[in-house]
């Protein structure tokens, strides 16, 4: 699946999104695939062979409110497809308030991302930890299937007020309630899902040992380190 860089009209529209999409490396195009931005190459720039389109069954016809580009993108990745980007700006991408993307509910996107990371990533792991014992990390934990919640060894954080305490999942049906320890980030071992912001948008990505974490201000996201 091949896309390209683009420029926004009016200039500066969705600046953080455009910077993210236009600045990723070839490797990042294939690993930053669980972000709230959606596909790492934007659909209006897509090129692919007709055989790929037909093999994946084309786009979803479920109608308004369906993120058909993200569904197709994930099907492509599940079939071992690769993502490439031409580094010239081949599209003028107009921003306006009536764009189709605004009719898609955030929860729909969240559920799709969670399903994909559980099917493609967490199903391969016996255990893992979650970086961020705050709101976003806990939301991620609560959104997991029960079998994946049971794989969570710990939360890790930099907040000394949280370190050494526990997160108790009070909404759980089981007794006793799950109690997850919160440890300092230097004590955590991969694999790891990092729930923190990258430029103001949620994301999940991969890297290999040794554990490498880059913190960025002004964001909450989900990243994966294994």
Protein backbone atom coordinates (compact mmCIF):
# COMPACT_ATOMS: atom_id res chain seq x y z
CA UNK A 1 0.00 0.00 0.00
CA UNK A 2 1.68 3.20 -1.20
CA UNK A 3 0.84 6.75 -0.16
CA UNK A 4 2.55 10.11 -0.31
CA UNK A 5 3.21 13.25 1.63
CA UNK A 6 0.64 16.03 1.39
CA UNK A 7 0.09 19.68 2.20
CA UNK A 8 -2.92 21.10 3.99
CA UNK A 9 -5.29 23.78 2.76
CA UNK A 10 -5.74 26.10 4.59
CA UNK A 11 -2.05 25.97 5.59
CA UNK A 12 -1.55 24.91 9.19
CA UNK A 13 -4.78 22.90 9.41
CA UNK A 14 -4.44 19.84 11.70
CA UNK A 15 -0.78 20.75 12.08
CA UNK A 16 0.20 17.96 14.48
CA UNK A 17 -1.52 15.31 12.39
CA UNK A 18 0.13 16.55 9.18
CA UNK A 19 3.56 16.68 10.84
CA UNK A 20 3.12 13.12 12.11
CA UNK A 21 1.98 11.72 8.77
CA UNK A 22 4.62 13.53 6.71
CA UNK A 23 7.63 12.92 8.96
CA UNK A 24 7.56 9.20 9.75
CA UNK A 25 10.43 6.98 8.69
CA UNK A 26 9.86 3.88 6.57
CA UNK A 27 10.00 1.73 9.71
CA UNK A 28 7.54 3.93 11.58
CA UNK A 29 5.03 3.68 8.74
CA UNK A 30 4.67 0.01 9.58
CA UNK A 31 4.79 0.18 13.38
CA UNK A 32 2.87 3.34 14.37
CA UNK A 33 -0.28 1.70 13.09
CA UNK A 34 -2.43 1.84 16.24
CA UNK A 35 -2.55 5.60 16.69
CA UNK A 36 -5.71 7.66 16.93
CA UNK A 37 -4.51 9.34 13.71
CA UNK A 38 -5.52 6.26 11.72
CA UNK A 39 -3.53 4.81 8.80
CA UNK A 40 0.08 5.95 8.56
CA UNK A 41 -0.47 6.99 4.94
CA UNK A 42 -3.69 8.91 4.32
CA UNK A 43 -6.32 7.26 2.14
CA UNK A 44 -6.60 10.04 -0.51
CA UNK A 45 -2.99 9.25 -1.49
CA UNK A 46 -3.31 5.45 -1.63
CA UNK A 47 -2.08 3.33 -4.52
CA UNK A 48 -2.22 -0.47 -4.56
CA UNK A 49 -2.53 -3.26 -7.10
CA UNK A 50 -6.07 -4.32 -7.95
CA UNK A 51 -5.24 -7.85 -6.81
CA UNK A 52 -4.57 -6.55 -3.29
CA UNK A 53 -7.87 -4.66 -3.23
CA UNK A 54 -9.80 -7.70 -4.42
CA UNK A 55 -8.00 -10.10 -2.08
CA UNK A 56 -8.92 -7.95 0.92
CA UNK A 57 -12.54 -7.72 -0.18
CA UNK A 58 -12.48 -4.01 -0.95
CA UNK A 59 -13.79 -1.34 1.40
CA UNK A 60 -16.48 -1.85 4.02
CA UNK A 61 -19.95 -0.89 2.78
CA UNK A 62 -21.41 -0.55 6.29
CA UNK A 63 -22.23 3.08 5.62
CA UNK A 64 -21.90 6.40 7.40
CA UNK A 65 -19.83 6.36 10.57
CA UNK A 66 -17.69 3.42 9.43
CA UNK A 67 -13.89 3.99 9.32
CA UNK A 68 -13.53 2.06 6.08
CA UNK A 69 -9.98 3.28 5.49
CA UNK A 70 -8.77 1.99 8.88
CA UNK A 71 -10.59 -1.33 8.43
CA UNK A 72 -8.97 -1.82 5.01
CA UNK A 73 -5.58 -0.71 6.38
CA UNK A 74 -5.70 -3.29 9.18
CA UNK A 75 -6.80 -6.04 6.78
CA UNK A 76 -3.80 -5.18 4.61
CA UNK A 77 -1.42 -5.45 7.58
CA UNK A 78 -2.98 -8.73 8.73
CA UNK A 79 -2.26 -10.17 5.29
CA UNK A 80 1.44 -9.27 5.75
CA UNK A 81 1.10 -6.19 3.58
CA UNK A 82 3.70 -3.42 3.69
CA UNK A 83 3.17 0.34 3.88
CA UNK A 84 5.31 2.70 1.78
CA UNK A 85 5.28 6.46 1.21
CA UNK A 86 6.50 8.60 -1.68
CA UNK A 87 8.26 11.53 -0.07
CA UNK A 88 7.06 14.18 -2.53
CA UNK A 89 3.91 16.17 -1.72
CA UNK A 90 1.49 14.76 -4.29
CA UNK A 91 -1.77 15.92 -2.72
CA UNK A 92 -3.34 19.16 -1.56
CA UNK A 93 -5.51 17.90 1.31
CA UNK A 94 -8.34 20.35 2.02
CA UNK A 95 -9.62 20.71 5.59
CA UNK A 96 -13.27 21.63 6.20
CA UNK A 97 -15.78 21.11 8.97
CA UNK A 98 -18.03 18.84 6.89
CA UNK A 99 -15.33 16.23 6.23
CA UNK A 100 -16.51 12.62 6.48
CA UNK A 101 -13.99 11.87 9.21
CA UNK A 102 -16.00 13.98 11.68
CA UNK A 103 -18.99 11.62 11.49
CA UNK A 104 -16.96 8.71 12.92
CA UNK A 105 -17.35 8.25 16.66
CA UNK A 106 -14.13 8.20 18.69
CA UNK A 107 -15.30 5.07 20.52
CA UNK A 108 -15.61 3.23 17.20
CA UNK A 109 -11.98 4.01 16.43
CA UNK A 110 -10.87 3.08 19.95
CA UNK A 111 -12.67 -0.28 19.80
CA UNK A 112 -11.16 -1.08 16.41
CA UNK A 113 -7.64 -0.24 17.61
CA UNK A 114 -8.09 -2.30 20.78
CA UNK A 115 -9.37 -5.28 18.83
CA UNK A 116 -6.44 -5.12 16.45
CA UNK A 117 -3.70 -4.84 19.07
CA UNK A 118 -5.23 -7.65 21.08
CA UNK A 119 -5.51 -9.94 18.06
CA UNK A 120 -2.13 -9.14 16.53
CA UNK A 121 0.06 -8.30 19.54
CA UNK A 122 -1.25 -9.31 22.94
CA UNK A 123 -2.27 -12.74 21.69
CA UNK A 124 1.46 -13.41 21.17
CA UNK A 125 2.47 -12.34 24.69
CA UNK A 126 2.25 -14.35 27.89
CA UNK A 127 2.46 -11.20 30.03
CA UNK A 128 3.15 -7.48 29.71
CA UNK A 129 3.15 -4.20 31.64
CA UNK A 130 1.49 -0.86 30.98
CA UNK A 131 3.39 2.44 31.16
CA UNK A 132 1.11 5.10 32.66
CA UNK A 133 -0.83 4.38 35.83
CA UNK A 134 -3.02 7.40 35.12
CA UNK A 135 -6.26 7.88 33.22
CA UNK A 136 -5.19 6.60 29.80
CA UNK A 137 -3.32 3.54 31.05
CA UNK A 138 -6.25 2.51 33.21
CA UNK A 139 -8.68 3.05 30.36
CA UNK A 140 -6.54 0.77 28.22
CA UNK A 141 -6.53 -1.90 30.94
CA UNK A 142 -10.29 -1.72 31.46
CA UNK A 143 -10.88 -2.00 27.70
CA UNK A 144 -8.95 -5.26 27.41
CA UNK A 145 -10.58 -8.66 27.22
CA UNK A 146 -10.46 -10.53 30.52
CA UNK A 147 -7.82 -12.96 29.26
CA UNK A 148 -5.54 -10.03 28.41
CA UNK A 149 -6.24 -8.20 31.67
CA UNK A 150 -4.91 -11.28 33.44
CA UNK A 151 -1.61 -10.90 31.54
CA UNK A 152 -0.88 -7.44 33.00
CA UNK A 153 2.01 -7.75 35.48
CA UNK A 154 2.28 -4.10 36.49
CA UNK A 155 1.70 -0.48 35.68
CA UNK A 156 4.78 1.74 35.64
CA UNK A 157 4.98 5.50 36.08
CA UNK A 158 7.23 8.43 36.94
CA UNK A 159 4.84 9.90 39.52
CA UNK A 160 6.33 9.16 42.95
CA UNK A 161 2.85 9.47 44.49
CA UNK A 162 1.71 6.43 42.51
CA UNK A 163 4.85 4.26 42.75
CA UNK A 164 4.56 1.53 45.37
CA UNK A 165 0.76 1.60 45.36
CA UNK A 166 -1.77 -0.56 43.50
CA UNK A 167 -4.52 -0.06 40.96
CA UNK A 168 -7.64 -2.00 41.97
CA UNK A 169 -10.10 -2.71 39.19
CA UNK A 170 -13.30 -2.12 41.14
CA UNK A 171 -15.61 -2.78 38.16
CA UNK A 172 -14.37 -6.37 37.81
CA UNK A 173 -16.92 -9.12 38.43
CA UNK A 174 -14.40 -11.47 39.98
CA UNK A 175 -13.46 -11.59 43.66
CA UNK A 176 -11.03 -10.63 44.97
CA UNK A 177 -10.80 -7.63 42.63
CA UNK A 178 -7.69 -7.52 40.41
CA UNK A 179 -4.92 -5.50 42.10
CA UNK A 180 -2.11 -4.37 39.82
CA UNK A 181 1.15 -3.04 41.35
CA UNK A 182 2.50 0.33 40.22
CA UNK A 183 6.30 0.39 39.90
CA UNK A 184 8.96 2.88 38.84
CA UNK A 185 9.57 2.86 35.09
CA UNK A 186 13.20 1.83 35.62
CA UNK A 187 12.04 -1.40 37.24
CA UNK A 188 9.67 -2.51 34.51
CA UNK A 189 10.59 -5.25 32.05
CA UNK A 190 9.37 -5.58 28.46
CA UNK A 191 7.11 -6.35 26.74
CA UNK A 192 5.47 -3.07 27.49
CA UNK A 193 2.55 -0.98 26.27
CA UNK A 194 3.19 2.72 26.74
CA UNK A 195 0.13 4.92 27.14
CA UNK A 196 1.35 8.44 26.66
CA UNK A 197 0.96 11.26 24.21
CA UNK A 198 2.90 11.83 21.02
CA UNK A 199 2.03 15.25 19.68
CA UNK A 200 -1.40 15.20 21.29
CA UNK A 201 -2.65 11.91 19.81
CA UNK A 202 -2.94 8.35 21.09
CA UNK A 203 -0.73 5.69 19.55
CA UNK A 204 0.81 2.24 19.80
CA UNK A 205 4.10 1.22 18.20
CA UNK A 206 6.84 -1.39 18.54
CA UNK A 207 10.56 -1.62 19.25
CA UNK A 208 12.89 -4.42 20.29
CA UNK A 209 15.07 -4.91 23.39
CA UNK A 210 16.86 -3.21 24.95
CA UNK A 211 13.87 -1.21 26.11
CA UNK A 212 13.89 2.24 24.55
CA UNK A 213 11.39 4.87 25.55
CA UNK A 214 11.14 8.41 24.26
CA UNK A 215 8.96 10.73 26.29
CA UNK A 216 7.26 13.66 24.64
CA UNK A 217 5.32 16.44 26.25
CA UNK A 218 1.76 17.47 25.47
CA UNK A 219 0.45 14.01 24.52
CA UNK A 220 -1.32 10.76 25.65
CA UNK A 221 -0.77 7.64 23.57
CA UNK A 222 -0.34 3.92 23.50
CA UNK A 223 2.96 2.54 22.35
CA UNK A 224 4.23 -1.00 22.55
CA UNK A 225 7.76 -2.06 23.45
CA UNK A 226 8.70 -5.73 23.26
